[in-house]
Amino acid sequence: MKLTKRLFLGLAAGSALATLPLSALAEGWQPRRPIDFTIMAGPGGGADQIARFVQSVAEANDLTNRPLVPTNRGGGSGAEALLHLKDARDPDHTLMVTLNSFYTTPIRQEGLGVDIEAFTPITMMGVDPFVLWVHKDSGITTFEQFVERVKEMDGGFVMGGTGSGQEDSIVIAYMAGAYDLKIKYIPYDGGGAVAKDLAGQQIMATVNNPAEAKGFYEAGDFVPLLAFSDERMEAYPDVPTMKEKGHDFSYYNQRALVGAPGMSEEAAAYYREVFGKVYESDEWQKYLVSESLSPLPMDEAQTRAYWATQVQNHRDLLAKIAN
């Protein structure tokens, strides 16, 4: 099973941002109170960074008449956020910033009773890949050296991530299976905490997104060894991909905004227009480049088709990890 950017972009081919044809529906509707802007991850990670950047762009350009209020609800691998959205008392004023735990958590925790099909598609802001990072003091500078070190330690090599069955654990499990590696995995509440502990050398490696590791990389503390992308990344041209190593695997994390179940069409159209303007802004377009995200515009129907595809893809991936 592979999740590639080509698959993602194929689903969205020929699409336009969902905001334009629906914007007329938003006429006359305005938020009447502050907007709950839930983040389904902990502070400092990629989803948190993106949510707060989106908030800043919307605020700087006066795109909403009421403020977006970011709140981290990353408990239970995003279950806290999913339940908060599912049970929202005011659907028209409740939004969520998602990552791939939008798919994996309902699959792994069926008792939650969460059906993502009930949520309201708003805007896909982009997708970003994962990169394998080690600390500069490890002495490891190539993926081959990483594999050799992990095998030498025979189960003693420690990596951190955002929880079993989450995005980075899927990537780590694939890599471990492909190279017969024994890795001790420590779960954290978010990608920011994972990157911070690699910087402090409490763990030995991570597969953080570029945005989560960027500051430490620019400071010279992190060394990128491998990209789980279809092609080499522009920001890391000397870093090979897993595909170059002979394994047809890449994995991208979605950065999307969804609304609560039962959100009115007028409210959904309003938010699509707002975040469509954020997406088209110079600030966001520069952010896509600086943080190594790929654009992925799609309309509501394409988003729902994308959700269905990703649910099945993640069911298959999680099943393979369990075996």
C-alpha atoms as a PDB file:
ATOM      1  CA  MET A   1       0.000   0.000   0.000  1.00  0.00           C
ATOM      2  CA  LYS A   2       1.330   3.401  -0.908  1.00  0.00           C
ATOM      3  CA  LEU A   3       0.034   6.918  -0.384  1.00  0.00           C
ATOM      4  CA  THR A   4       1.593   9.176  -2.950  1.00  0.00           C
ATOM      5  CA  LYS A   5       1.346  12.796  -3.871  1.00  0.00           C
ATOM      6  CA  ARG A   6       0.360  11.693  -7.352  1.00  0.00           C
ATOM      7  CA  LEU A   7      -2.611   9.862  -5.854  1.00  0.00           C
ATOM      8  CA  PHE A   8      -3.545  12.944  -3.848  1.00  0.00           C
ATOM      9  CA  LEU A   9      -3.155  15.309  -6.788  1.00  0.00           C
ATOM     10  CA  GLY A  10      -4.957  12.909  -9.118  1.00  0.00           C
ATOM     11  CA  LEU A  11      -8.024  13.089  -6.920  1.00  0.00           C
ATOM     12  CA  ALA A  12      -7.945  16.861  -7.126  1.00  0.00           C
ATOM     13  CA  ALA A  13      -6.961  17.217 -10.787  1.00  0.00           C
ATOM     14  CA  GLY A  14      -8.623  20.035 -12.591  1.00  0.00           C
ATOM     15  CA  SER A  15     -10.309  21.336  -9.467  1.00  0.00           C
ATOM     16  CA  ALA A  16     -10.657  24.909  -8.331  1.00  0.00           C
ATOM     17  CA  LEU A  17     -10.866  26.124  -4.782  1.00  0.00           C
ATOM     18  CA  ALA A  18     -14.228  25.284  -3.285  1.00  0.00           C
ATOM     19  CA  THR A  19     -14.855  28.871  -2.298  1.00  0.00           C
ATOM     20  CA  LEU A  20     -15.704  30.564  -5.561  1.00  0.00           C
ATOM     21  CA  PRO A  21     -18.894  28.858  -6.809  1.00  0.00           C
ATOM     22  CA  LEU A  22     -20.399  28.824  -3.321  1.00  0.00           C
ATOM     23  CA  SER A  23     -19.459  32.274  -2.119  1.00  0.00           C
ATOM     24  CA  ALA A  24     -22.846  33.712  -3.034  1.00  0.00           C
ATOM     25  CA  LEU A  25     -24.472  31.432  -0.464  1.00  0.00           C
ATOM     26  CA  ALA A  26     -22.540  33.184   2.279  1.00  0.00           C
ATOM     27  CA  GLU A  27     -24.077  36.558   1.530  1.00  0.00           C
ATOM     28  CA  GLY A  28     -25.973  37.778   4.557  1.00  0.00           C
ATOM     29  CA  TRP A  29     -24.453  35.214   6.945  1.00  0.00           C
ATOM     30  CA  GLN A  30     -21.819  36.381   9.414  1.00  0.00           C
ATOM     31  CA  PRO A  31     -20.445  34.751  12.569  1.00  0.00           C
ATOM     32  CA  ARG A  32     -22.237  36.104  15.616  1.00  0.00           C
ATOM     33  CA  ARG A  33     -19.600  35.081  18.172  1.00  0.00           C
ATOM     34  CA  PRO A  34     -15.909  34.012  18.342  1.00  0.00           C
ATOM     35  CA  ILE A  35     -15.165  30.994  16.157  1.00  0.00           C
ATOM     36  CA  ASP A  36     -13.995  27.792  17.860  1.00  0.00           C
ATOM     37  CA  PHE A  37     -10.832  26.856  15.936  1.00  0.00           C
ATOM     38  CA  THR A  38      -9.976  23.418  17.314  1.00  0.00           C
ATOM     39  CA  ILE A  39      -6.573  21.852  16.550  1.00  0.00           C
ATOM     40  CA  MET A  40      -6.531  18.056  16.718  1.00  0.00           C
ATOM     41  CA  ALA A  41      -2.916  17.940  17.952  1.00  0.00           C
ATOM     42  CA  GLY A  42      -0.757  19.337  20.712  1.00  0.00           C
ATOM     43  CA  PRO A  43       1.173  22.627  20.764  1.00  0.00           C
ATOM     44  CA  GLY A  44       4.188  23.164  18.520  1.00  0.00           C
ATOM     45  CA  GLY A  45       3.505  20.527  15.879  1.00  0.00           C
ATOM     46  CA  GLY A  46       2.734  21.024  12.200  1.00  0.00           C
ATOM     47  CA  ALA A  47      -1.045  21.274  12.654  1.00  0.00           C
ATOM     48  CA  ASP A  48      -0.625  23.771  15.476  1.00  0.00           C
ATOM     49  CA  GLN A  49       1.805  25.905  13.478  1.00  0.00           C
ATOM     50  CA  ILE A  50      -0.464  25.936  10.448  1.00  0.00           C
ATOM     51  CA  ALA A  51      -3.583  26.753  12.473  1.00  0.00           C
ATOM     52  CA  ARG A  52      -1.953  29.733  14.114  1.00  0.00           C
ATOM     53  CA  PHE A  53      -0.465  30.942  10.838  1.00  0.00           C
ATOM     54  CA  VAL A  54      -3.868  30.716   9.143  1.00  0.00           C
ATOM     55  CA  GLN A  55      -5.369  32.614  12.084  1.00  0.00           C
ATOM     56  CA  SER A  56      -2.735  35.333  11.750  1.00  0.00           C
ATOM     57  CA  VAL A  57      -3.360  35.751   8.000  1.00  0.00           C
ATOM     58  CA  ALA A  58      -7.126  35.942   8.500  1.00  0.00           C
ATOM     59  CA  GLU A  59      -6.686  38.473  11.288  1.00  0.00           C
ATOM     60  CA  ALA A  60      -4.118  40.608   9.453  1.00  0.00           C
ATOM     61  CA  ASN A  61      -6.393  40.852   6.422  1.00  0.00           C
ATOM     62  CA  ASP A  62      -9.655  41.361   8.366  1.00  0.00           C
ATOM     63  CA  LEU A  63     -11.228  38.313   6.725  1.00  0.00           C
ATOM     64  CA  THR A  64     -13.614  37.493   9.583  1.00  0.00           C
ATOM     65  CA  ASN A  65     -15.843  39.745  11.643  1.00  0.00           C
ATOM     66  CA  ARG A  66     -15.280  37.535  14.699  1.00  0.00           C
ATOM     67  CA  PRO A  67     -11.939  36.123  15.879  1.00  0.00           C
ATOM     68  CA  LEU A  68     -10.712  32.588  15.307  1.00  0.00           C
ATOM     69  CA  VAL A  69      -9.863  31.115  18.720  1.00  0.00           C
ATOM     70  CA  PRO A  70      -7.261  28.309  18.378  1.00  0.00           C
ATOM     71  CA  THR A  71      -7.510  25.587  21.019  1.00  0.00           C
ATOM     72  CA  ASN A  72      -5.300  22.477  21.133  1.00  0.00           C
ATOM     73  CA  ARG A  73      -7.324  19.305  21.673  1.00  0.00           C
ATOM     74  CA  GLY A  74      -4.834  16.557  20.882  1.00  0.00           C
ATOM     75  CA  GLY A  75      -5.759  14.061  23.585  1.00  0.00           C
ATOM     76  CA  GLY A  76      -6.234  10.443  22.545  1.00  0.00           C
ATOM     77  CA  SER A  77      -4.444  10.944  19.232  1.00  0.00           C
ATOM     78  CA  GLY A  78      -6.984  13.575  18.248  1.00  0.00           C
ATOM     79  CA  ALA A  79     -10.017  11.756  19.714  1.00  0.00           C
ATOM     80  CA  GLU A  80     -10.644  14.720  22.010  1.00  0.00           C
ATOM     81  CA  ALA A  81     -10.941  17.048  19.011  1.00  0.00           C
ATOM     82  CA  LEU A  82     -13.083  14.656  16.981  1.00  0.00           C
ATOM     83  CA  LEU A  83     -15.567  14.235  19.825  1.00  0.00           C
ATOM     84  CA  HIS A  84     -15.591  17.971  20.464  1.00  0.00           C
ATOM     85  CA  LEU A  85     -16.498  18.614  16.840  1.00  0.00           C
ATOM     86  CA  LYS A  86     -18.980  15.717  16.664  1.00  0.00           C
ATOM     87  CA  ASP A  87     -20.872  17.029  19.683  1.00  0.00           C
ATOM     88  CA  ALA A  88     -20.562  20.738  18.893  1.00  0.00           C
ATOM     89  CA  ARG A  89     -23.437  22.734  20.352  1.00  0.00           C
ATOM     90  CA  ASP A  90     -22.977  25.483  17.785  1.00  0.00           C
ATOM     91  CA  PRO A  91     -21.958  23.866  14.474  1.00  0.00           C
ATOM     92  CA  ASP A  92     -21.905  27.179  12.607  1.00  0.00           C
ATOM     93  CA  HIS A  93     -19.124  28.464  14.864  1.00  0.00           C
ATOM     94  CA  THR A  94     -17.021  25.274  15.212  1.00  0.00           C
ATOM     95  CA  LEU A  95     -14.078  24.392  12.946  1.00  0.00           C
ATOM     96  CA  MET A  96     -11.188  21.935  13.183  1.00  0.00           C
ATOM     97  CA  VAL A  97      -7.656  21.854  11.749  1.00  0.00           C
ATOM     98  CA  THR A  98      -6.882  18.257  10.784  1.00  0.00           C
ATOM     99  CA  LEU A  99      -4.056  15.886   9.984  1.00  0.00           C
ATOM    100  CA  ASN A 100      -4.174  12.209   9.046  1.00  0.00           C
ATOM    101  CA  SER A 101      -5.359  11.192  12.509  1.00  0.00           C
ATOM    102  CA  PHE A 102      -8.680  12.441  11.097  1.00  0.00           C
ATOM    103  CA  TYR A 103      -8.703   8.986   9.430  1.00  0.00           C
ATOM    104  CA  THR A 104      -6.618   6.771  11.695  1.00  0.00           C
ATOM    105  CA  THR A 105      -8.157   7.629  15.076  1.00  0.00           C
ATOM    106  CA  PRO A 106     -11.767   6.728  14.145  1.00  0.00           C
ATOM    107  CA  ILE A 107     -10.469   3.487  12.598  1.00  0.00           C
ATOM    108  CA  ARG A 108      -8.414   2.536  15.646  1.00  0.00           C
ATOM    109  CA  GLN A 109     -10.970   3.740  18.202  1.00  0.00           C
ATOM    110  CA  GLU A 110     -14.291   2.558  16.818  1.00  0.00           C
ATOM    111  CA  GLY A 111     -15.904   3.050  20.225  1.00  0.00           C
ATOM    112  CA  LEU A 112     -15.753   6.806  19.683  1.00  0.00           C
ATOM    113  CA  GLY A 113     -18.679   6.540  17.316  1.00  0.00           C
ATOM    114  CA  VAL A 114     -17.123   9.137  15.009  1.00  0.00           C
ATOM    115  CA  ASP A 115     -18.145   9.115  11.341  1.00  0.00           C
ATOM    116  CA  ILE A 116     -16.021  11.611   9.452  1.00  0.00           C
ATOM    117  CA  GLU A 117     -18.544  11.600   6.608  1.00  0.00           C
ATOM    118  CA  ALA A 118     -20.797  13.615   8.926  1.00  0.00           C
ATOM    119  CA  PHE A 119     -18.288  16.467   9.086  1.00  0.00           C
ATOM    120  CA  THR A 120     -18.431  19.453   6.758  1.00  0.00           C
ATOM    121  CA  PRO A 121     -15.617  19.896   4.186  1.00  0.00           C
ATOM    122  CA  ILE A 122     -14.220  23.431   4.213  1.00  0.00           C
ATOM    123  CA  THR A 123     -10.754  23.824   2.630  1.00  0.00           C
ATOM    124  CA  MET A 124      -7.680  21.683   1.980  1.00  0.00           C
ATOM    125  CA  MET A 125      -4.674  23.895   2.661  1.00  0.00           C
ATOM    126  CA  GLY A 126      -2.033  21.422   1.423  1.00  0.00           C
ATOM    127  CA  VAL A 127      -0.144  18.226   2.209  1.00  0.00           C
ATOM    128  CA  ASP A 128       3.371  17.721   3.521  1.00  0.00           C
ATOM    129  CA  PRO A 129       5.702  14.718   3.667  1.00  0.00           C
ATOM    130  CA  PHE A 130       7.756  13.212   6.456  1.00  0.00           C
ATOM    131  CA  VAL A 131      11.540  13.275   6.822  1.00  0.00           C
ATOM    132  CA  LEU A 132      13.773  11.037   8.941  1.00  0.00           C
ATOM    133  CA  TRP A 133      15.886  13.166  11.305  1.00  0.00           C
ATOM    134  CA  VAL A 134      18.761  12.443  13.693  1.00  0.00           C
ATOM    135  CA  HIS A 135      20.737  14.741  15.974  1.00  0.00           C
ATOM    136  CA  LYS A 136      24.044  16.047  14.658  1.00  0.00           C
ATOM    137  CA  ASP A 137      25.858  14.563  17.661  1.00  0.00           C
ATOM    138  CA  SER A 138      24.778  11.046  16.673  1.00  0.00           C
ATOM    139  CA  GLY A 139      27.509  10.986  14.040  1.00  0.00           C
ATOM    140  CA  ILE A 140      25.013   9.547  11.559  1.00  0.00           C
ATOM    141  CA  THR A 141      25.020  11.326   8.205  1.00  0.00           C
ATOM    142  CA  THR A 142      23.442   8.776   5.825  1.00  0.00           C
ATOM    143  CA  PHE A 143      20.436   6.474   5.868  1.00  0.00           C
ATOM    144  CA  GLU A 144      22.727   3.467   5.521  1.00  0.00           C
ATOM    145  CA  GLN A 145      24.546   4.474   8.693  1.00  0.00           C
ATOM    146  CA  PHE A 146      21.177   4.860  10.419  1.00  0.00           C
ATOM    147  CA  VAL A 147      20.144   1.330   9.454  1.00  0.00           C
ATOM    148  CA  GLU A 148      23.502  -0.033  10.624  1.00  0.00           C
ATOM    149  CA  ARG A 149      23.235   1.766  13.984  1.00  0.00           C
ATOM    150  CA  VAL A 150      19.692   0.569  14.622  1.00  0.00           C
ATOM    151  CA  LYS A 151      20.651  -3.032  13.868  1.00  0.00           C
ATOM    152  CA  GLU A 152      23.707  -2.794  16.096  1.00  0.00           C
ATOM    153  CA  MET A 153      21.544  -1.660  19.016  1.00  0.00           C
ATOM    154  CA  ASP A 154      19.143  -4.609  18.506  1.00  0.00           C
ATOM    155  CA  GLY A 155      16.024  -3.043  20.003  1.00  0.00           C
ATOM    156  CA  GLY A 156      17.733  -0.321  21.992  1.00  0.00           C
ATOM    157  CA  PHE A 157      17.331   2.436  19.391  1.00  0.00           C
ATOM    158  CA  VAL A 158      14.671   4.917  20.554  1.00  0.00           C
ATOM    159  CA  MET A 159      12.423   6.988  18.294  1.00  0.00           C
ATOM    160  CA  GLY A 160       9.602   9.326  19.278  1.00  0.00           C
ATOM    161  CA  GLY A 161       6.290  10.035  17.605  1.00  0.00           C
ATOM    162  CA  THR A 162       2.743  11.205  18.139  1.00  0.00           C
ATOM    163  CA  GLY A 163       1.259   7.844  19.127  1.00  0.00           C
ATOM    164  CA  SER A 164       0.732   4.283  17.991  1.00  0.00           C
ATOM    165  CA  GLY A 165      -1.191   4.141  14.739  1.00  0.00           C
ATOM    166  CA  GLN A 166      -0.576   7.822  14.055  1.00  0.00           C
ATOM    167  CA  GLU A 167       1.048   9.260  10.940  1.00  0.00           C
ATOM    168  CA  ASP A 168       4.672   9.031  12.014  1.00  0.00           C
ATOM    169  CA  SER A 169       4.231   5.576  13.552  1.00  0.00           C
ATOM    170  CA  ILE A 170       2.897   4.349  10.196  1.00  0.00           C
ATOM    171  CA  VAL A 171       6.018   5.670   8.489  1.00  0.00           C
ATOM    172  CA  ILE A 172       8.332   4.207  11.154  1.00  0.00           C
ATOM    173  CA  ALA A 173       6.558   0.835  11.031  1.00  0.00           C
ATOM    174  CA  TYR A 174       6.911   0.695   7.247  1.00  0.00           C
ATOM    175  CA  MET A 175      10.599   1.577   7.435  1.00  0.00           C
ATOM    176  CA  ALA A 176      11.212  -0.954  10.222  1.00  0.00           C
ATOM    177  CA  GLY A 177       9.498  -3.695   8.248  1.00  0.00           C
ATOM    178  CA  ALA A 178      11.342  -2.875   5.028  1.00  0.00           C
ATOM    179  CA  TYR A 179      14.752  -3.073   6.711  1.00  0.00           C
ATOM    180  CA  ASP A 180      14.040  -5.562   9.525  1.00  0.00           C
ATOM    181  CA  LEU A 181      14.709  -2.965  12.227  1.00  0.00           C
ATOM    182  CA  LYS A 182      13.874  -3.216  15.929  1.00  0.00           C
ATOM    183  CA  ILE A 183      12.941   0.248  17.195  1.00  0.00           C
ATOM    184  CA  LYS A 184      11.631   1.332  20.580  1.00  0.00           C
ATOM    185  CA  TYR A 185       8.822   3.830  20.041  1.00  0.00           C
ATOM    186  CA  ILE A 186       7.852   6.497  22.581  1.00  0.00           C
ATOM    187  CA  PRO A 187       4.504   8.316  22.064  1.00  0.00           C
ATOM    188  CA  TYR A 188       4.113  12.077  22.587  1.00  0.00           C
ATOM    189  CA  ASP A 189       1.175  14.473  22.475  1.00  0.00           C
ATOM    190  CA  GLY A 190       2.388  16.312  19.373  1.00  0.00           C
ATOM    191  CA  GLY A 191       5.123  16.744  16.791  1.00  0.00           C
ATOM    192  CA  GLY A 192       6.499  19.819  18.538  1.00  0.00           C
ATOM    193  CA  ALA A 193       7.293  17.825  21.680  1.00  0.00           C
ATOM    194  CA  VAL A 194       8.851  15.079  19.566  1.00  0.00           C
ATOM    195  CA  ALA A 195      11.199  17.514  17.811  1.00  0.00           C
ATOM    196  CA  LYS A 196      12.090  19.193  21.112  1.00  0.00           C
ATOM    197  CA  ASP A 197      13.127  15.885  22.682  1.00  0.00           C
ATOM    198  CA  LEU A 198      15.283  14.987  19.686  1.00  0.00           C
ATOM    199  CA  ALA A 199      16.976  18.362  20.094  1.00  0.00           C
ATOM    200  CA  GLY A 200      17.551  17.475  23.765  1.00  0.00           C
ATOM    201  CA  GLN A 201      18.686  13.962  22.751  1.00  0.00           C
ATOM    202  CA  GLN A 202      16.097  12.217  24.915  1.00  0.00           C
ATOM    203  CA  ILE A 203      15.302  10.220  21.767  1.00  0.00           C
ATOM    204  CA  MET A 204      17.563   9.191  18.889  1.00  0.00           C
ATOM    205  CA  ALA A 205      15.537   9.915  15.743  1.00  0.00           C
ATOM    206  CA  THR A 206      12.158  11.157  14.508  1.00  0.00           C
ATOM    207  CA  VAL A 207      10.121  11.380  11.310  1.00  0.00           C
ATOM    208  CA  ASN A 208       8.880  14.925  11.871  1.00  0.00           C
ATOM    209  CA  ASN A 209       7.368  17.029   9.107  1.00  0.00           C
ATOM    210  CA  PRO A 210       9.769  19.671   7.748  1.00  0.00           C
ATOM    211  CA  ALA A 211       7.918  22.533   9.477  1.00  0.00           C
ATOM    212  CA  GLU A 212       8.260  20.841  12.868  1.00  0.00           C
ATOM    213  CA  ALA A 213      12.014  20.298  12.500  1.00  0.00           C
ATOM    214  CA  LYS A 214      12.890  23.399  10.475  1.00  0.00           C
ATOM    215  CA  GLY A 215      14.137  25.586  13.336  1.00  0.00           C
ATOM    216  CA  PHE A 216      16.395  22.867  14.701  1.00  0.00           C
ATOM    217  CA  TYR A 217      17.654  22.048  11.206  1.00  0.00           C
ATOM    218  CA  GLU A 218      18.465  25.691  10.495  1.00  0.00           C
ATOM    219  CA  ALA A 219      20.291  25.880  13.834  1.00  0.00           C
ATOM    220  CA  GLY A 220      22.430  22.939  12.731  1.00  0.00           C
ATOM    221  CA  ASP A 221      21.090  20.514  15.336  1.00  0.00           C
ATOM    222  CA  PHE A 222      19.184  18.123  13.050  1.00  0.00           C
ATOM    223  CA  VAL A 223      20.449  16.057  10.119  1.00  0.00           C
ATOM    224  CA  PRO A 224      17.870  14.894   7.519  1.00  0.00           C
ATOM    225  CA  LEU A 225      18.555  11.384   6.233  1.00  0.00           C
ATOM    226  CA  LEU A 226      15.569  10.273   4.155  1.00  0.00           C
ATOM    227  CA  ALA A 227      12.412  11.833   2.682  1.00  0.00           C
ATOM    228  CA  PHE A 228       9.154   9.899   2.430  1.00  0.00           C
ATOM    229  CA  SER A 229       8.079  11.863  -0.638  1.00  0.00           C
ATOM    230  CA  ASP A 230       7.630  11.015  -4.307  1.00  0.00           C
ATOM    231  CA  GLU A 231      10.581  13.133  -5.379  1.00  0.00           C
ATOM    232  CA  ARG A 232      13.446  14.861  -3.614  1.00  0.00           C
ATOM    233  CA  MET A 233      12.295  17.941  -1.776  1.00  0.00           C
ATOM    234  CA  GLU A 234      13.379  21.356  -3.005  1.00  0.00           C
ATOM    235  CA  ALA A 235      14.406  22.391   0.506  1.00  0.00           C
ATOM    236  CA  TYR A 236      16.528  19.251   0.951  1.00  0.00           C
ATOM    237  CA  PRO A 237      17.930  18.447  -2.497  1.00  0.00           C
ATOM    238  CA  ASP A 238      20.679  16.175  -1.155  1.00  0.00           C
ATOM    239  CA  VAL A 239      18.299  14.005   0.868  1.00  0.00           C
ATOM    240  CA  PRO A 240      17.279  10.782  -0.948  1.00  0.00           C
ATOM    241  CA  THR A 241      13.756   9.382  -0.921  1.00  0.00           C
ATOM    242  CA  MET A 242      12.563   5.985   0.227  1.00  0.00           C
ATOM    243  CA  LYS A 243      11.696   5.307  -3.403  1.00  0.00           C
ATOM    244  CA  GLU A 244      15.337   5.820  -4.374  1.00  0.00           C
ATOM    245  CA  LYS A 245      16.191   3.107  -1.871  1.00  0.00           C
ATOM    246  CA  GLY A 246      14.020   0.651  -3.775  1.00  0.00           C
ATOM    247  CA  HIS A 247      10.779   0.879  -1.768  1.00  0.00           C
ATOM    248  CA  ASP A 248       7.694   2.267  -3.521  1.00  0.00           C
ATOM    249  CA  PHE A 249       6.392   4.188  -0.516  1.00  0.00           C
ATOM    250  CA  SER A 250       5.695   7.821   0.225  1.00  0.00           C
ATOM    251  CA  TYR A 251       3.418   9.373   2.810  1.00  0.00           C
ATOM    252  CA  TYR A 252       1.850  12.819   3.077  1.00  0.00           C
ATOM    253  CA  ASN A 253       0.076  14.492   5.983  1.00  0.00           C
ATOM    254  CA  GLN A 254      -3.049  16.492   5.157  1.00  0.00           C
ATOM    255  CA  ARG A 255      -3.480  20.041   6.391  1.00  0.00           C
ATOM    256  CA  ALA A 256      -7.193  20.724   6.102  1.00  0.00           C
ATOM    257  CA  LEU A 257     -10.055  22.604   7.729  1.00  0.00           C
ATOM    258  CA  VAL A 258     -13.377  20.896   8.417  1.00  0.00           C
ATOM    259  CA  GLY A 259     -16.608  22.055  10.007  1.00  0.00           C
ATOM    260  CA  ALA A 260     -18.846  20.400  12.572  1.00  0.00           C
ATOM    261  CA  PRO A 261     -21.686  18.073  11.537  1.00  0.00           C
ATOM    262  CA  GLY A 262     -24.843  20.039  10.883  1.00  0.00           C
ATOM    263  CA  MET A 263     -23.096  23.226   9.827  1.00  0.00           C
ATOM    264  CA  SER A 264     -25.435  25.261   7.642  1.00  0.00           C
ATOM    265  CA  GLU A 265     -24.668  25.685   3.952  1.00  0.00           C
ATOM    266  CA  GLU A 266     -24.461  29.444   4.466  1.00  0.00           C
ATOM    267  CA  ALA A 267     -21.863  29.114   7.228  1.00  0.00           C
ATOM    268  CA  ALA A 268     -19.863  26.534   5.261  1.00  0.00           C
ATOM    269  CA  ALA A 269     -19.833  28.829   2.220  1.00  0.00           C
ATOM    270  CA  TYR A 270     -18.691  31.726   4.396  1.00  0.00           C
ATOM    271  CA  TYR A 271     -15.731  29.747   5.776  1.00  0.00           C
ATOM    272  CA  ARG A 272     -14.795  28.380   2.358  1.00  0.00           C
ATOM    273  CA  GLU A 273     -14.645  31.928   1.083  1.00  0.00           C
ATOM    274  CA  VAL A 274     -12.574  33.104   4.058  1.00  0.00           C
ATOM    275  CA  PHE A 275     -10.048  30.285   3.921  1.00  0.00           C
ATOM    276  CA  GLY A 276      -9.989  30.362   0.136  1.00  0.00           C
ATOM    277  CA  LYS A 277      -8.761  33.937   0.464  1.00  0.00           C
ATOM    278  CA  VAL A 278      -6.167  32.797   3.008  1.00  0.00           C
ATOM    279  CA  TYR A 279      -5.060  30.069   0.588  1.00  0.00           C
ATOM    280  CA  GLU A 280      -4.723  32.508  -2.300  1.00  0.00           C
ATOM    281  CA  SER A 281      -2.887  35.121  -0.220  1.00  0.00           C
ATOM    282  CA  ASP A 282       0.772  35.884  -0.784  1.00  0.00           C
ATOM    283  CA  GLU A 283       1.402  34.942   2.834  1.00  0.00           C
ATOM    284  CA  TRP A 284       0.050  31.402   2.420  1.00  0.00           C
ATOM    285  CA  GLN A 285       1.675  30.833  -0.965  1.00  0.00           C
ATOM    286  CA  LYS A 286       5.034  31.779   0.540  1.00  0.00           C
ATOM    287  CA  TYR A 287       4.302  29.534   3.523  1.00  0.00           C
ATOM    288  CA  LEU A 288       3.706  26.574   1.204  1.00  0.00           C
ATOM    289  CA  VAL A 289       7.190  27.059  -0.216  1.00  0.00           C
ATOM    290  CA  SER A 290       9.027  27.840   3.024  1.00  0.00           C
ATOM    291  CA  GLU A 291       7.485  24.905   4.899  1.00  0.00           C
ATOM    292  CA  SER A 292       7.727  22.398   2.010  1.00  0.00           C
ATOM    293  CA  LEU A 293       3.977  21.838   1.636  1.00  0.00           C
ATOM    294  CA  SER A 294       2.356  20.839  -1.640  1.00  0.00           C
ATOM    295  CA  PRO A 295      -0.881  22.522  -2.798  1.00  0.00           C
ATOM    296  CA  LEU A 296      -3.980  20.348  -3.029  1.00  0.00           C
ATOM    297  CA  PRO A 297      -7.105  22.364  -3.921  1.00  0.00           C
ATOM    298  CA  MET A 298     -10.413  20.507  -4.296  1.00  0.00           C
ATOM    299  CA  ASP A 299     -14.114  21.193  -4.034  1.00  0.00           C
ATOM    300  CA  GLU A 300     -16.607  19.612  -1.634  1.00  0.00           C
ATOM    301  CA  ALA A 301     -17.423  16.575  -3.775  1.00  0.00           C
ATOM    302  CA  GLN A 302     -13.756  15.878  -4.447  1.00  0.00           C
ATOM    303  CA  THR A 303     -12.984  16.283  -0.750  1.00  0.00           C
ATOM    304  CA  ARG A 304     -15.559  13.668   0.191  1.00  0.00           C
ATOM    305  CA  ALA A 305     -14.172  11.283  -2.436  1.00  0.00           C
ATOM    306  CA  TYR A 306     -10.691  11.956  -1.050  1.00  0.00           C
ATOM    307  CA  TRP A 307     -11.887  11.152   2.481  1.00  0.00           C
ATOM    308  CA  ALA A 308     -13.306   7.810   1.342  1.00  0.00           C
ATOM    309  CA  THR A 309     -10.050   6.920  -0.426  1.00  0.00           C
ATOM    310  CA  GLN A 310      -7.918   7.860   2.556  1.00  0.00           C
ATOM    311  CA  VAL A 311     -10.063   5.885   5.001  1.00  0.00           C
ATOM    312  CA  GLN A 312      -9.562   2.748   2.910  1.00  0.00           C
ATOM    313  CA  ASN A 313      -5.850   3.448   2.404  1.00  0.00           C
ATOM    314  CA  HIS A 314      -5.333   3.853   6.143  1.00  0.00           C
ATOM    315  CA  ARG A 315      -7.369   0.752   6.959  1.00  0.00           C
ATOM    316  CA  ASP A 316      -5.020  -1.199   4.689  1.00  0.00           C
ATOM    317  CA  LEU A 317      -1.886   0.398   6.148  1.00  0.00           C
ATOM    318  CA  LEU A 318      -2.945  -0.132   9.757  1.00  0.00           C
ATOM    319  CA  ALA A 319      -3.856  -3.751   9.009  1.00  0.00           C
ATOM    320  CA  LYS A 320      -0.413  -4.377   7.542  1.00  0.00           C
ATOM    321  CA  ILE A 321       1.285  -2.782  10.536  1.00  0.00           C
ATOM    322  CA  ALA A 322      -0.702  -5.035  12.881  1.00  0.00           C
ATOM    323  CA  ASN A 323       0.401  -8.183  11.051  1.00  0.00           C
END
